[in-house]
Amino acid sequence: MAKRAETSIPVTKFKAMCLEVIDRVSKGKSARVVLTKRGKPVAALVPCGTKPQRLWGAMRGTVMVAEGVDLAAPTGEVWDAERDA
């Protein structure tokens, strides 16, 4: 099965076609749609899952992560190394 690609669209375009985009995500035609404002990601639209994903490895069986949650997604926190000197 081919992996569904992540797409991104500006929020102004999303406003004009939000129902179509929501339908595509809910039907599994799009895995994730990232909404951008001035070229920067501000939100993501993901399918609502009823079955949580399970972690593997040392944490297997101890944590349940809801479907659509990206544990590796940026938090928005600015680290000292990223600040201008």
Protein backbone atom coordinates (compact mmCIF):
# COMPACT_ATOMS: atom_id res chain seq x y z
CA MET A 1 0.00 0.00 0.00
CA ALA A 2 1.42 3.40 -0.96
CA LYS A 3 2.03 5.90 1.80
CA ARG A 4 -0.30 8.89 1.68
CA ALA A 5 1.60 12.11 1.32
CA GLU A 6 1.45 15.10 3.63
CA THR A 7 0.29 18.25 1.88
CA SER A 8 0.32 21.87 2.92
CA ILE A 9 -1.93 24.74 1.90
CA PRO A 10 -2.23 28.40 2.92
CA VAL A 11 -5.03 29.13 5.40
CA THR A 12 -6.70 31.47 2.90
CA LYS A 13 -6.99 28.62 0.39
CA PHE A 14 -8.19 26.31 3.19
CA LYS A 15 -10.97 28.78 4.05
CA ALA A 16 -12.22 28.63 0.48
CA MET A 17 -12.21 24.83 0.27
CA CYS A 18 -12.31 23.61 3.88
CA LEU A 19 -15.15 21.10 3.42
CA GLU A 20 -13.38 19.47 0.48
CA VAL A 21 -10.10 19.24 2.41
CA ILE A 22 -11.84 17.80 5.48
CA ASP A 23 -13.59 15.20 3.31
CA ARG A 24 -10.28 14.16 1.71
CA VAL A 25 -8.65 13.68 5.11
CA SER A 26 -11.63 11.85 6.62
CA LYS A 27 -11.79 9.46 3.65
CA GLY A 28 -8.06 8.71 3.88
CA LYS A 29 -7.15 10.39 0.59
CA SER A 30 -4.80 12.76 2.47
CA ALA A 31 -2.82 11.62 5.49
CA ARG A 32 -2.23 15.09 6.92
CA VAL A 33 -2.80 18.63 5.70
CA VAL A 34 -0.58 21.34 7.17
CA LEU A 35 -2.09 24.82 7.15
CA THR A 36 0.38 27.64 6.60
CA LYS A 37 0.30 31.36 7.22
CA ARG A 38 2.90 33.44 5.39
CA GLY A 39 4.65 30.20 4.51
CA LYS A 40 4.99 28.95 8.11
CA PRO A 41 3.02 25.99 9.50
CA VAL A 42 0.35 27.03 12.01
CA ALA A 43 -1.91 23.97 12.26
CA ALA A 44 -2.43 20.47 10.91
CA LEU A 45 -5.54 18.59 9.91
CA VAL A 46 -5.33 14.85 10.59
CA PRO A 47 -7.93 12.09 10.57
CA CYS A 48 -9.60 11.46 13.90
CA GLY A 49 -8.70 7.92 14.96
CA THR A 50 -10.52 5.68 17.35
CA LYS A 51 -7.71 3.17 17.78
CA PRO A 52 -4.61 4.41 19.62
CA GLN A 53 -1.16 3.52 18.33
CA ARG A 54 1.18 1.45 20.47
CA LEU A 55 4.80 2.30 21.09
CA TRP A 56 7.53 -0.27 20.52
CA GLY A 57 10.84 -1.03 22.19
CA ALA A 58 11.50 -0.34 25.86
CA MET A 59 8.21 1.56 26.28
CA ARG A 60 6.10 -1.13 24.61
CA GLY A 61 2.87 -1.71 26.53
CA THR A 62 3.30 1.27 28.86
CA VAL A 63 2.06 4.19 26.74
CA MET A 64 -0.79 4.65 24.29
CA VAL A 65 -0.55 7.47 21.73
CA ALA A 66 -3.72 8.67 20.03
CA GLU A 67 -3.79 8.22 16.27
CA GLY A 68 -2.72 11.37 14.43
CA VAL A 69 -0.45 12.58 17.25
CA ASP A 70 3.10 13.18 16.06
CA LEU A 71 5.49 12.78 18.99
CA ALA A 72 8.34 14.10 16.83
CA ALA A 73 6.52 17.28 15.77
CA PRO A 74 8.13 20.58 16.76
CA THR A 75 6.81 22.13 19.97
CA GLY A 76 7.39 25.71 18.93
CA GLU A 77 9.79 26.23 21.83
CA VAL A 78 12.87 28.27 20.90
CA TRP A 79 16.09 26.73 22.19
CA ASP A 80 19.11 28.81 23.23
CA ALA A 81 21.07 27.36 20.29
CA GLU A 82 18.47 28.74 17.87
CA ARG A 83 18.43 32.28 19.29
CA ASP A 84 20.38 35.04 17.61
CA ALA A 85 23.59 35.78 19.44
